[in-house]
Amino acid sequence: MRDEHIKAAEEYYRIRGRRLYSILKERGWLYHPQYFPAVRYLKGIDNKIYIIPYKKKQGKNQLFIFDLEGKLLKQAAAPIVEESIFSFYPSTIKDGKLIQLIENEKEEWELHITGIE
């Protein structure tokens, strides 16, 4: 996964900031850690803690749901759409459903509601 992320990050900089990318690369300022942090995304909603690590399973993001005491309630998967390799589109979780605002190819916002498996 690390190599995939490095390629995606380099492609992101090439497309969105060619000048910045060339400066960072030229000066040796690009750094890719050997390992990702354990948590990519953390949210507290409805007296539950939702944690998403970097690791994916069968093309979906892993999702761990804990109570406020830290007890694992459920391990699930959700197809969270990424805006870039650095962030997800605006999202929240409510009543066991992932709710996301996703910009389509026409640059219009669409509301996506997906059940958490």
PDB file of N, CA and C in Angstrom:
ATOM      1  N   MET A   1       0.820  -1.194   0.000  1.00  0.00           N
ATOM      2  CA  MET A   1       0.000   0.000   0.000  1.00  0.00           C
ATOM      3  C   MET A   1       0.867   1.263   0.000  1.00  0.00           C
ATOM      4  N   ARG A   2       2.008   1.203   0.634  1.00  0.00           N
ATOM      5  CA  ARG A   2       2.874   2.376   0.719  1.00  0.00           C
ATOM      6  C   ARG A   2       3.282   2.844  -0.675  1.00  0.00           C
ATOM      7  N   ASP A   3       3.697   1.923  -1.540  1.00  0.00           N
ATOM      8  CA  ASP A   3       4.114   2.299  -2.895  1.00  0.00           C
ATOM      9  C   ASP A   3       2.965   2.925  -3.678  1.00  0.00           C
ATOM     10  N   GLU A   4       1.758   2.379  -3.513  1.00  0.00           N
ATOM     11  CA  GLU A   4       0.579   2.949  -4.184  1.00  0.00           C
ATOM     12  C   GLU A   4       0.346   4.382  -3.709  1.00  0.00           C
ATOM     13  N   HIS A   5       0.503   4.606  -2.418  1.00  0.00           N
ATOM     14  CA  HIS A   5       0.275   5.938  -1.856  1.00  0.00           C
ATOM     15  C   HIS A   5       1.341   6.922  -2.343  1.00  0.00           C
ATOM     16  N   ILE A   6       2.582   6.479  -2.430  1.00  0.00           N
ATOM     17  CA  ILE A   6       3.661   7.344  -2.926  1.00  0.00           C
ATOM     18  C   ILE A   6       3.378   7.764  -4.363  1.00  0.00           C
ATOM     19  N   LYS A   7       3.002   6.799  -5.202  1.00  0.00           N
ATOM     20  CA  LYS A   7       2.688   7.117  -6.604  1.00  0.00           C
ATOM     21  C   LYS A   7       1.514   8.088  -6.693  1.00  0.00           C
ATOM     22  N   ALA A   8       0.489   7.859  -5.878  1.00  0.00           N
ATOM     23  CA  ALA A   8      -0.688   8.737  -5.897  1.00  0.00           C
ATOM     24  C   ALA A   8      -0.327  10.145  -5.424  1.00  0.00           C
ATOM     25  N   ALA A   9       0.520  10.252  -4.403  1.00  0.00           N
ATOM     26  CA  ALA A   9       0.933  11.571  -3.906  1.00  0.00           C
ATOM     27  C   ALA A   9       1.742  12.312  -4.957  1.00  0.00           C
ATOM     28  N   GLU A  10       2.655  11.622  -5.600  1.00  0.00           N
ATOM     29  CA  GLU A  10       3.459  12.255  -6.647  1.00  0.00           C
ATOM     30  C   GLU A  10       2.580  12.707  -7.808  1.00  0.00           C
ATOM     31  N   GLU A  11       1.620  11.886  -8.180  1.00  0.00           N
ATOM     32  CA  GLU A  11       0.700  12.251  -9.268  1.00  0.00           C
ATOM     33  C   GLU A  11      -0.144  13.463  -8.870  1.00  0.00           C
ATOM     34  N   TYR A  12      -0.590  13.496  -7.629  1.00  0.00           N
ATOM     35  CA  TYR A  12      -1.373  14.624  -7.122  1.00  0.00           C
ATOM     36  C   TYR A  12      -0.580  15.918  -7.258  1.00  0.00           C
ATOM     37  N   TYR A  13       0.673  15.905  -6.814  1.00  0.00           N
ATOM     38  CA  TYR A  13       1.501  17.114  -6.904  1.00  0.00           C
ATOM     39  C   TYR A  13       1.819  17.481  -8.348  1.00  0.00           C
ATOM     40  N   ARG A  14       2.028  16.476  -9.195  1.00  0.00           N
ATOM     41  CA  ARG A  14       2.315  16.763 -10.604  1.00  0.00           C
ATOM     42  C   ARG A  14       1.146  17.486 -11.264  1.00  0.00           C
ATOM     43  N   ILE A  15      -0.060  17.047 -10.975  1.00  0.00           N
ATOM     44  CA  ILE A  15      -1.251  17.620 -11.610  1.00  0.00           C
ATOM     45  C   ILE A  15      -1.604  18.980 -11.017  1.00  0.00           C
ATOM     46  N   ARG A  16      -1.583  19.106  -9.701  1.00  0.00           N
ATOM     47  CA  ARG A  16      -2.089  20.312  -9.049  1.00  0.00           C
ATOM     48  C   ARG A  16      -1.034  21.364  -8.720  1.00  0.00           C
ATOM     49  N   GLY A  17       0.200  20.975  -8.682  1.00  0.00           N
ATOM     50  CA  GLY A  17       1.223  21.944  -8.302  1.00  0.00           C
ATOM     51  C   GLY A  17       2.562  21.601  -8.920  1.00  0.00           C
ATOM     52  N   ARG A  18       2.616  21.655 -10.224  1.00  0.00           N
ATOM     53  CA  ARG A  18       3.842  21.244 -10.915  1.00  0.00           C
ATOM     54  C   ARG A  18       5.072  21.964 -10.390  1.00  0.00           C
ATOM     55  N   ARG A  19       4.964  23.263 -10.231  1.00  0.00           N
ATOM     56  CA  ARG A  19       6.104  24.057  -9.759  1.00  0.00           C
ATOM     57  C   ARG A  19       6.494  23.642  -8.339  1.00  0.00           C
ATOM     58  N   LEU A  20       5.513  23.520  -7.478  1.00  0.00           N
ATOM     59  CA  LEU A  20       5.778  23.113  -6.098  1.00  0.00           C
ATOM     60  C   LEU A  20       6.418  21.729  -6.066  1.00  0.00           C
ATOM     61  N   TYR A  21       5.870  20.801  -6.837  1.00  0.00           N
ATOM     62  CA  TYR A  21       6.390  19.435  -6.861  1.00  0.00           C
ATOM     63  C   TYR A  21       7.852  19.420  -7.289  1.00  0.00           C
ATOM     64  N   SER A  22       8.171  20.162  -8.345  1.00  0.00           N
ATOM     65  CA  SER A  22       9.554  20.158  -8.840  1.00  0.00           C
ATOM     66  C   SER A  22      10.512  20.756  -7.802  1.00  0.00           C
ATOM     67  N   ILE A  23      10.077  21.797  -7.090  1.00  0.00           N
ATOM     68  CA  ILE A  23      10.919  22.396  -6.047  1.00  0.00           C
ATOM     69  C   ILE A  23      11.130  21.411  -4.893  1.00  0.00           C
ATOM     70  N   LEU A  24      10.041  20.795  -4.436  1.00  0.00           N
ATOM     71  CA  LEU A  24      10.143  19.839  -3.330  1.00  0.00           C
ATOM     72  C   LEU A  24      11.065  18.678  -3.689  1.00  0.00           C
ATOM     73  N   LYS A  25      10.907  18.164  -4.900  1.00  0.00           N
ATOM     74  CA  LYS A  25      11.712  17.024  -5.331  1.00  0.00           C
ATOM     75  C   LYS A  25      13.179  17.430  -5.497  1.00  0.00           C
ATOM     76  N   GLU A  26      13.404  18.567  -6.124  1.00  0.00           N
ATOM     77  CA  GLU A  26      14.762  19.062  -6.369  1.00  0.00           C
ATOM     78  C   GLU A  26      15.532  19.267  -5.063  1.00  0.00           C
ATOM     79  N   ARG A  27      14.865  19.780  -4.061  1.00  0.00           N
ATOM     80  CA  ARG A  27      15.523  20.072  -2.781  1.00  0.00           C
ATOM     81  C   ARG A  27      15.530  18.886  -1.816  1.00  0.00           C
ATOM     82  N   GLY A  28      14.931  17.793  -2.243  1.00  0.00           N
ATOM     83  CA  GLY A  28      14.914  16.608  -1.395  1.00  0.00           C
ATOM     84  C   GLY A  28      13.982  16.728  -0.207  1.00  0.00           C
ATOM     85  N   TRP A  29      12.950  17.557  -0.334  1.00  0.00           N
ATOM     86  CA  TRP A  29      12.031  17.795   0.778  1.00  0.00           C
ATOM     87  C   TRP A  29      10.841  16.842   0.791  1.00  0.00           C
ATOM     88  N   LEU A  30      10.728  16.009  -0.205  1.00  0.00           N
ATOM     89  CA  LEU A  30       9.637  15.032  -0.202  1.00  0.00           C
ATOM     90  C   LEU A  30      10.038  13.879   0.710  1.00  0.00           C
ATOM     91  N   TYR A  31       9.186  13.578   1.629  1.00  0.00           N
ATOM     92  CA  TYR A  31       9.462  12.500   2.570  1.00  0.00           C
ATOM     93  C   TYR A  31       8.254  11.575   2.615  1.00  0.00           C
ATOM     94  N   HIS A  32       8.506  10.307   2.459  1.00  0.00           N
ATOM     95  CA  HIS A  32       7.441   9.311   2.536  1.00  0.00           C
ATOM     96  C   HIS A  32       7.753   8.392   3.715  1.00  0.00           C
ATOM     97  N   PRO A  33       6.930   8.437   4.758  1.00  0.00           N
ATOM     98  CA  PRO A  33       7.204   7.599   5.925  1.00  0.00           C
ATOM     99  C   PRO A  33       7.131   6.115   5.580  1.00  0.00           C
ATOM    100  N   GLN A  34       7.844   5.334   6.331  1.00  0.00           N
ATOM    101  CA  GLN A  34       7.847   3.888   6.118  1.00  0.00           C
ATOM    102  C   GLN A  34       6.477   3.289   6.447  1.00  0.00           C
ATOM    103  N   TYR A  35       5.805   3.864   7.449  1.00  0.00           N
ATOM    104  CA  TYR A  35       4.506   3.352   7.881  1.00  0.00           C
ATOM    105  C   TYR A  35       3.512   4.501   8.014  1.00  0.00           C
ATOM    106  N   PHE A  36       2.248   4.180   7.828  1.00  0.00           N
ATOM    107  CA  PHE A  36       1.188   5.160   8.031  1.00  0.00           C
ATOM    108  C   PHE A  36       0.797   5.173   9.504  1.00  0.00           C
ATOM    109  N   PRO A  37       0.205   6.280   9.984  1.00  0.00           N
ATOM    110  CA  PRO A  37      -0.330   6.254  11.345  1.00  0.00           C
ATOM    111  C   PRO A  37      -1.481   5.247  11.427  1.00  0.00           C
ATOM    112  N   ALA A  38      -1.761   4.789  12.607  1.00  0.00           N
ATOM    113  CA  ALA A  38      -2.812   3.782  12.765  1.00  0.00           C
ATOM    114  C   ALA A  38      -4.186   4.319  12.379  1.00  0.00           C
ATOM    115  N   VAL A  39      -4.432   5.609  12.622  1.00  0.00           N
ATOM    116  CA  VAL A  39      -5.758   6.191  12.383  1.00  0.00           C
ATOM    117  C   VAL A  39      -5.688   7.248  11.282  1.00  0.00           C
ATOM    118  N   ARG A  40      -6.556   7.101  10.293  1.00  0.00           N
ATOM    119  CA  ARG A  40      -6.652   8.101   9.226  1.00  0.00           C
ATOM    120  C   ARG A  40      -7.768   9.096   9.517  1.00  0.00           C
ATOM    121  N   TYR A  41      -8.833   8.618  10.150  1.00  0.00           N
ATOM    122  CA  TYR A  41     -10.050   9.411  10.331  1.00  0.00           C
ATOM    123  C   TYR A  41     -10.703   8.973  11.630  1.00  0.00           C
ATOM    124  N   LEU A  42     -11.123   9.927  12.439  1.00  0.00           N
ATOM    125  CA  LEU A  42     -11.766   9.613  13.706  1.00  0.00           C
ATOM    126  C   LEU A  42     -12.906  10.598  13.913  1.00  0.00           C
ATOM    127  N   LYS A  43     -14.068  10.079  14.264  1.00  0.00           N
ATOM    128  CA  LYS A  43     -15.225  10.935  14.486  1.00  0.00           C
ATOM    129  C   LYS A  43     -16.063  10.374  15.625  1.00  0.00           C
ATOM    130  N   GLY A  44     -16.547  11.246  16.483  1.00  0.00           N
ATOM    131  CA  GLY A  44     -17.462  10.848  17.540  1.00  0.00           C
ATOM    132  C   GLY A  44     -18.864  11.317  17.199  1.00  0.00           C
ATOM    133  N   ILE A  45     -19.787  10.364  17.051  1.00  0.00           N
ATOM    134  CA  ILE A  45     -21.167  10.677  16.668  1.00  0.00           C
ATOM    135  C   ILE A  45     -22.108   9.725  17.408  1.00  0.00           C
ATOM    136  N   ASP A  46     -23.233  10.254  17.893  1.00  0.00           N
ATOM    137  CA  ASP A  46     -24.270   9.423  18.527  1.00  0.00           C
ATOM    138  C   ASP A  46     -23.707   8.511  19.623  1.00  0.00           C
ATOM    139  N   ASN A  47     -22.851   9.050  20.478  1.00  0.00           N
ATOM    140  CA  ASN A  47     -22.249   8.286  21.571  1.00  0.00           C
ATOM    141  C   ASN A  47     -21.440   7.081  21.101  1.00  0.00           C
ATOM    142  N   LYS A  48     -20.904   7.171  19.895  1.00  0.00           N
ATOM    143  CA  LYS A  48     -20.026   6.136  19.352  1.00  0.00           C
ATOM    144  C   LYS A  48     -18.801   6.814  18.755  1.00  0.00           C
ATOM    145  N   ILE A  49     -17.714   6.059  18.709  1.00  0.00           N
ATOM    146  CA  ILE A  49     -16.484   6.546  18.098  1.00  0.00           C
ATOM    147  C   ILE A  49     -16.241   5.721  16.839  1.00  0.00           C
ATOM    148  N   TYR A  50     -16.111   6.407  15.714  1.00  0.00           N
ATOM    149  CA  TYR A  50     -15.870   5.762  14.428  1.00  0.00           C
ATOM    150  C   TYR A  50     -14.417   6.012  14.036  1.00  0.00           C
ATOM    151  N   ILE A  51     -13.692   4.932  13.762  1.00  0.00           N
ATOM    152  CA  ILE A  51     -12.283   5.039  13.390  1.00  0.00           C
ATOM    153  C   ILE A  51     -12.064   4.345  12.050  1.00  0.00           C
ATOM    154  N   ILE A  52     -11.374   5.057  11.150  1.00  0.00           N
ATOM    155  CA  ILE A  52     -11.033   4.503   9.840  1.00  0.00           C
ATOM    156  C   ILE A  52      -9.509   4.506   9.717  1.00  0.00           C
ATOM    157  N   PRO A  53      -8.901   3.323   9.563  1.00  0.00           N
ATOM    158  CA  PRO A  53      -7.458   3.272   9.332  1.00  0.00           C
ATOM    159  C   PRO A  53      -7.153   3.457   7.837  1.00  0.00           C
ATOM    160  N   TYR A  54      -5.886   3.494   7.488  1.00  0.00           N
ATOM    161  CA  TYR A  54      -5.507   3.606   6.078  1.00  0.00           C
ATOM    162  C   TYR A  54      -5.806   2.327   5.308  1.00  0.00           C
ATOM    163  N   LYS A  55      -5.728   1.210   5.981  1.00  0.00           N
ATOM    164  CA  LYS A  55      -5.886  -0.085   5.320  1.00  0.00           C
ATOM    165  C   LYS A  55      -7.302  -0.265   4.781  1.00  0.00           C
ATOM    166  N   LYS A  56      -7.370  -0.786   3.548  1.00  0.00           N
ATOM    167  CA  LYS A  56      -8.666  -1.085   2.942  1.00  0.00           C
ATOM    168  C   LYS A  56      -8.841  -2.590   2.853  1.00  0.00           C
ATOM    169  N   LYS A  57     -10.089  -3.007   2.749  1.00  0.00           N
ATOM    170  CA  LYS A  57     -10.404  -4.423   2.635  1.00  0.00           C
ATOM    171  C   LYS A  57     -11.395  -4.585   1.491  1.00  0.00           C
ATOM    172  N   GLN A  58     -11.018  -5.332   0.481  1.00  0.00           N
ATOM    173  CA  GLN A  58     -11.855  -5.570  -0.698  1.00  0.00           C
ATOM    174  C   GLN A  58     -12.334  -4.260  -1.320  1.00  0.00           C
ATOM    175  N   GLY A  59     -11.432  -3.281  -1.407  1.00  0.00           N
ATOM    176  CA  GLY A  59     -11.748  -2.002  -2.037  1.00  0.00           C
ATOM    177  C   GLY A  59     -12.560  -1.039  -1.185  1.00  0.00           C
ATOM    178  N   LYS A  60     -12.878  -1.442   0.033  1.00  0.00           N
ATOM    179  CA  LYS A  60     -13.652  -0.568   0.925  1.00  0.00           C
ATOM    180  C   LYS A  60     -12.797  -0.187   2.130  1.00  0.00           C
ATOM    181  N   ASN A  61     -13.126   0.940   2.712  1.00  0.00           N
ATOM    182  CA  ASN A  61     -12.424   1.378   3.913  1.00  0.00           C
ATOM    183  C   ASN A  61     -12.894   0.569   5.107  1.00  0.00           C
ATOM    184  N   GLN A  62     -11.945   0.123   5.906  1.00  0.00           N
ATOM    185  CA  GLN A  62     -12.312  -0.546   7.143  1.00  0.00           C
ATOM    186  C   GLN A  62     -12.867   0.506   8.093  1.00  0.00           C
ATOM    187  N   LEU A  63     -13.780   0.102   8.927  1.00  0.00           N
ATOM    188  CA  LEU A  63     -14.423   1.022   9.856  1.00  0.00           C
ATOM    189  C   LEU A  63     -14.612   0.291  11.179  1.00  0.00           C
ATOM    190  N   PHE A  64     -14.088   0.872  12.241  1.00  0.00           N
ATOM    191  CA  PHE A  64     -14.230   0.295  13.572  1.00  0.00           C
ATOM    192  C   PHE A  64     -15.136   1.207  14.387  1.00  0.00           C
ATOM    193  N   ILE A  65     -16.124   0.614  15.026  1.00  0.00           N
ATOM    194  CA  ILE A  65     -17.079   1.382  15.820  1.00  0.00           C
ATOM    195  C   ILE A  65     -16.924   0.973  17.287  1.00  0.00           C
ATOM    196  N   PHE A  66     -16.647   1.972  18.133  1.00  0.00           N
ATOM    197  CA  PHE A  66     -16.440   1.745  19.565  1.00  0.00           C
ATOM    198  C   PHE A  66     -17.487   2.506  20.367  1.00  0.00           C
ATOM    199  N   ASP A  67     -17.763   2.012  21.577  1.00  0.00           N
ATOM    200  CA  ASP A  67     -18.582   2.818  22.479  1.00  0.00           C
ATOM    201  C   ASP A  67     -17.662   3.828  23.163  1.00  0.00           C
ATOM    202  N   LEU A  68     -18.219   4.675  24.000  1.00  0.00           N
ATOM    203  CA  LEU A  68     -17.422   5.724  24.634  1.00  0.00           C
ATOM    204  C   LEU A  68     -16.448   5.197  25.691  1.00  0.00           C
ATOM    205  N   GLU A  69     -16.598   3.932  26.069  1.00  0.00           N
ATOM    206  CA  GLU A  69     -15.667   3.304  27.011  1.00  0.00           C
ATOM    207  C   GLU A  69     -14.492   2.658  26.282  1.00  0.00           C
ATOM    208  N   GLY A  70     -14.566   2.591  24.951  1.00  0.00           N
ATOM    209  CA  GLY A  70     -13.489   1.995  24.162  1.00  0.00           C
ATOM    210  C   GLY A  70     -13.725   0.553  23.770  1.00  0.00           C
ATOM    211  N   LYS A  71     -14.921   0.030  24.046  1.00  0.00           N
ATOM    212  CA  LYS A  71     -15.249  -1.348  23.684  1.00  0.00           C
ATOM    213  C   LYS A  71     -15.630  -1.401  22.208  1.00  0.00           C
ATOM    214  N   LEU A  72     -15.025  -2.350  21.474  1.00  0.00           N
ATOM    215  CA  LEU A  72     -15.340  -2.517  20.056  1.00  0.00           C
ATOM    216  C   LEU A  72     -16.759  -3.053  19.910  1.00  0.00           C
ATOM    217  N   LEU A  73     -17.614  -2.294  19.247  1.00  0.00           N
ATOM    218  CA  LEU A  73     -18.999  -2.707  19.024  1.00  0.00           C
ATOM    219  C   LEU A  73     -19.152  -3.444  17.701  1.00  0.00           C
ATOM    220  N   LYS A  74     -18.416  -2.968  16.699  1.00  0.00           N
ATOM    221  CA  LYS A  74     -18.591  -3.533  15.367  1.00  0.00           C
ATOM    222  C   LYS A  74     -17.381  -3.195  14.505  1.00  0.00           C
ATOM    223  N   GLN A  75     -17.030  -4.146  13.658  1.00  0.00           N
ATOM    224  CA  GLN A  75     -16.024  -3.900  12.629  1.00  0.00           C
ATOM    225  C   GLN A  75     -16.763  -4.000  11.304  1.00  0.00           C
ATOM    226  N   ALA A  76     -16.675  -2.961  10.495  1.00  0.00           N
ATOM    227  CA  ALA A  76     -17.469  -2.904   9.270  1.00  0.00           C
ATOM    228  C   ALA A  76     -16.605  -2.429   8.101  1.00  0.00           C
ATOM    229  N   ALA A  77     -17.264  -2.240   6.960  1.00  0.00           N
ATOM    230  CA  ALA A  77     -16.600  -1.703   5.768  1.00  0.00           C
ATOM    231  C   ALA A  77     -17.527  -0.680   5.138  1.00  0.00           C
ATOM    232  N   ALA A  78     -16.934   0.374   4.585  1.00  0.00           N
ATOM    233  CA  ALA A  78     -17.731   1.424   3.949  1.00  0.00           C
ATOM    234  C   ALA A  78     -16.980   1.951   2.724  1.00  0.00           C
ATOM    235  N   PRO A  79     -17.696   2.179   1.627  1.00  0.00           N
ATOM    236  CA  PRO A  79     -17.056   2.697   0.413  1.00  0.00           C
ATOM    237  C   PRO A  79     -16.931   4.218   0.468  1.00  0.00           C
ATOM    238  N   ILE A  80     -15.964   4.716   1.218  1.00  0.00           N
ATOM    239  CA  ILE A  80     -15.810   6.160   1.386  1.00  0.00           C
ATOM    240  C   ILE A  80     -15.048   6.724   0.190  1.00  0.00           C
ATOM    241  N   VAL A  81     -15.643   7.695  -0.479  1.00  0.00           N
ATOM    242  CA  VAL A  81     -15.032   8.288  -1.668  1.00  0.00           C
ATOM    243  C   VAL A  81     -14.043   9.361  -1.229  1.00  0.00           C
ATOM    244  N   GLU A  82     -12.844   9.292  -1.792  1.00  0.00           N
ATOM    245  CA  GLU A  82     -11.796  10.246  -1.442  1.00  0.00           C
ATOM    246  C   GLU A  82     -11.795  11.417  -2.414  1.00  0.00           C
ATOM    247  N   GLU A  83     -11.675  12.614  -1.876  1.00  0.00           N
ATOM    248  CA  GLU A  83     -11.546  13.814  -2.710  1.00  0.00           C
ATOM    249  C   GLU A  83     -10.152  13.843  -3.330  1.00  0.00           C
ATOM    250  N   SER A  84      -9.175  13.469  -2.546  1.00  0.00           N
ATOM    251  CA  SER A  84      -7.793  13.328  -2.995  1.00  0.00           C
ATOM    252  C   SER A  84      -7.163  12.271  -2.103  1.00  0.00           C
ATOM    253  N   ILE A  85      -5.899  11.996  -2.334  1.00  0.00           N
ATOM    254  CA  ILE A  85      -5.256  11.003  -1.467  1.00  0.00           C
ATOM    255  C   ILE A  85      -5.098  11.509  -0.048  1.00  0.00           C
ATOM    256  N   PHE A  86      -5.328  12.794   0.144  1.00  0.00           N
ATOM    257  CA  PHE A  86      -5.143  13.394   1.458  1.00  0.00           C
ATOM    258  C   PHE A  86      -6.431  13.542   2.256  1.00  0.00           C
ATOM    259  N   SER A  87      -7.588  13.500   1.602  1.00  0.00           N
ATOM    260  CA  SER A  87      -8.831  13.737   2.347  1.00  0.00           C
ATOM    261  C   SER A  87     -10.041  13.099   1.678  1.00  0.00           C
ATOM    262  N   PHE A  88     -11.066  12.896   2.496  1.00  0.00           N
ATOM    263  CA  PHE A  88     -12.347  12.402   2.007  1.00  0.00           C
ATOM    264  C   PHE A  88     -13.228  13.593   1.641  1.00  0.00           C
ATOM    265  N   TYR A  89     -14.251  13.337   0.839  1.00  0.00           N
ATOM    266  CA  TYR A  89     -15.269  14.364   0.617  1.00  0.00           C
ATOM    267  C   TYR A  89     -16.007  14.589   1.938  1.00  0.00           C
ATOM    268  N   PRO A  90     -16.715  15.721   2.079  1.00  0.00           N
ATOM    269  CA  PRO A  90     -17.463  15.970   3.323  1.00  0.00           C
ATOM    270  C   PRO A  90     -18.383  14.794   3.653  1.00  0.00           C
ATOM    271  N   SER A  91     -18.334  14.361   4.895  1.00  0.00           N
ATOM    272  CA  SER A  91     -19.132  13.192   5.265  1.00  0.00           C
ATOM    273  C   SER A  91     -19.499  13.220   6.741  1.00  0.00           C
ATOM    274  N   THR A  92     -20.476  12.392   7.060  1.00  0.00           N
ATOM    275  CA  THR A  92     -20.847  12.143   8.444  1.00  0.00           C
ATOM    276  C   THR A  92     -21.474  10.756   8.506  1.00  0.00           C
ATOM    277  N   ILE A  93     -21.748  10.295   9.700  1.00  0.00           N
ATOM    278  CA  ILE A  93     -22.400   9.009   9.903  1.00  0.00           C
ATOM    279  C   ILE A  93     -23.600   9.257  10.794  1.00  0.00           C
ATOM    280  N   LYS A  94     -24.742   8.713  10.398  1.00  0.00           N
ATOM    281  CA  LYS A  94     -25.968   8.890  11.182  1.00  0.00           C
ATOM    282  C   LYS A  94     -26.837   7.651  11.031  1.00  0.00           C
ATOM    283  N   ASP A  95     -27.314   7.120  12.138  1.00  0.00           N
ATOM    284  CA  ASP A  95     -28.219   5.963  12.146  1.00  0.00           C
ATOM    285  C   ASP A  95     -27.690   4.800  11.304  1.00  0.00           C
ATOM    286  N   GLY A  96     -26.393   4.515  11.424  1.00  0.00           N
ATOM    287  CA  GLY A  96     -25.809   3.379  10.712  1.00  0.00           C
ATOM    288  C   GLY A  96     -25.609   3.596   9.226  1.00  0.00           C
ATOM    289  N   LYS A  97     -25.648   4.850   8.800  1.00  0.00           N
ATOM    290  CA  LYS A  97     -25.472   5.150   7.375  1.00  0.00           C
ATOM    291  C   LYS A  97     -24.363   6.176   7.192  1.00  0.00           C
ATOM    292  N   LEU A  98     -23.566   5.961   6.156  1.00  0.00           N
ATOM    293  CA  LEU A  98     -22.532   6.913   5.770  1.00  0.00           C
ATOM    294  C   LEU A  98     -23.164   7.908   4.804  1.00  0.00           C
ATOM    295  N   ILE A  99     -23.049   9.183   5.111  1.00  0.00           N
ATOM    296  CA  ILE A  99     -23.629  10.240   4.276  1.00  0.00           C
ATOM    297  C   ILE A  99     -22.479  11.084   3.745  1.00  0.00           C
ATOM    298  N   GLN A 100     -22.377  11.176   2.409  1.00  0.00           N
ATOM    299  CA  GLN A 100     -21.292  11.936   1.793  1.00  0.00           C
ATOM    300  C   GLN A 100     -21.813  12.883   0.729  1.00  0.00           C
ATOM    301  N   LEU A 101     -21.168  14.040   0.630  1.00  0.00           N
ATOM    302  CA  LEU A 101     -21.381  14.971  -0.478  1.00  0.00           C
ATOM    303  C   LEU A 101     -20.217  14.762  -1.437  1.00  0.00           C
ATOM    304  N   ILE A 102     -20.519  14.351  -2.659  1.00  0.00           N
ATOM    305  CA  ILE A 102     -19.473  14.024  -3.626  1.00  0.00           C
ATOM    306  C   ILE A 102     -19.657  14.867  -4.876  1.00  0.00           C
ATOM    307  N   GLU A 103     -18.574  15.486  -5.310  1.00  0.00           N
ATOM    308  CA  GLU A 103     -18.618  16.305  -6.523  1.00  0.00           C
ATOM    309  C   GLU A 103     -18.487  15.390  -7.739  1.00  0.00           C
ATOM    310  N   ASN A 104     -19.446  15.492  -8.666  1.00  0.00           N
ATOM    311  CA  ASN A 104     -19.411  14.638  -9.852  1.00  0.00           C
ATOM    312  C   ASN A 104     -18.579  15.274 -10.966  1.00  0.00           C
ATOM    313  N   GLU A 105     -18.539  14.611 -12.124  1.00  0.00           N
ATOM    314  CA  GLU A 105     -17.731  15.094 -13.250  1.00  0.00           C
ATOM    315  C   GLU A 105     -18.210  16.434 -13.795  1.00  0.00           C
ATOM    316  N   LYS A 106     -19.472  16.763 -13.582  1.00  0.00           N
ATOM    317  CA  LYS A 106     -20.026  18.054 -14.037  1.00  0.00           C
ATOM    318  C   LYS A 106     -19.817  19.152 -12.992  1.00  0.00           C
ATOM    319  N   GLU A 107     -19.050  18.829 -11.952  1.00  0.00           N
ATOM    320  CA  GLU A 107     -18.783  19.736 -10.840  1.00  0.00           C
ATOM    321  C   GLU A 107     -20.054  20.121 -10.083  1.00  0.00           C
ATOM    322  N   GLU A 108     -20.971  19.169  -9.996  1.00  0.00           N
ATOM    323  CA  GLU A 108     -22.198  19.327  -9.212  1.00  0.00           C
ATOM    324  C   GLU A 108     -22.083  18.408  -7.993  1.00  0.00           C
ATOM    325  N   TRP A 109     -22.675  18.838  -6.901  1.00  0.00           N
ATOM    326  CA  TRP A 109     -22.628  18.046  -5.679  1.00  0.00           C
ATOM    327  C   TRP A 109     -23.770  17.045  -5.646  1.00  0.00           C
ATOM    328  N   GLU A 110     -23.449  15.809  -5.269  1.00  0.00           N
ATOM    329  CA  GLU A 110     -24.441  14.744  -5.146  1.00  0.00           C
ATOM    330  C   GLU A 110     -24.409  14.213  -3.714  1.00  0.00           C
ATOM    331  N   LEU A 111     -25.574  13.892  -3.190  1.00  0.00           N
ATOM    332  CA  LEU A 111     -25.676  13.311  -1.859  1.00  0.00           C
ATOM    333  C   LEU A 111     -25.683  11.793  -1.995  1.00  0.00           C
ATOM    334  N   HIS A 112     -24.737  11.125  -1.343  1.00  0.00           N
ATOM    335  CA  HIS A 112     -24.655   9.663  -1.362  1.00  0.00           C
ATOM    336  C   HIS A 112     -24.892   9.151   0.052  1.00  0.00           C
ATOM    337  N   ILE A 113     -25.833   8.222   0.191  1.00  0.00           N
ATOM    338  CA  ILE A 113     -26.129   7.617   1.490  1.00  0.00           C
ATOM    339  C   ILE A 113     -25.945   6.110   1.348  1.00  0.00           C
ATOM    340  N   THR A 114     -25.048   5.560   2.164  1.00  0.00           N
ATOM    341  CA  THR A 114     -24.702   4.148   2.062  1.00  0.00           C
ATOM    342  C   THR A 114     -24.806   3.499   3.431  1.00  0.00           C
ATOM    343  N   GLY A 115     -25.415   2.330   3.484  1.00  0.00           N
ATOM    344  CA  GLY A 115     -25.453   1.578   4.736  1.00  0.00           C
ATOM    345  C   GLY A 115     -24.071   1.058   5.090  1.00  0.00           C
ATOM    346  N   ILE A 116     -23.769   1.025   6.357  1.00  0.00           N
ATOM    347  CA  ILE A 116     -22.484   0.497   6.814  1.00  0.00           C
ATOM    348  C   ILE A 116     -22.655  -0.990   7.054  1.00  0.00           C
ATOM    349  N   GLU A 117     -21.864  -1.784   6.361  1.00  0.00           N
ATOM    350  CA  GLU A 117     -21.978  -3.252   6.435  1.00  0.00           C
ATOM    351  C   GLU A 117     -21.435  -3.795   7.731  1.00  0.00           C
TER     352      GLU A 117
END
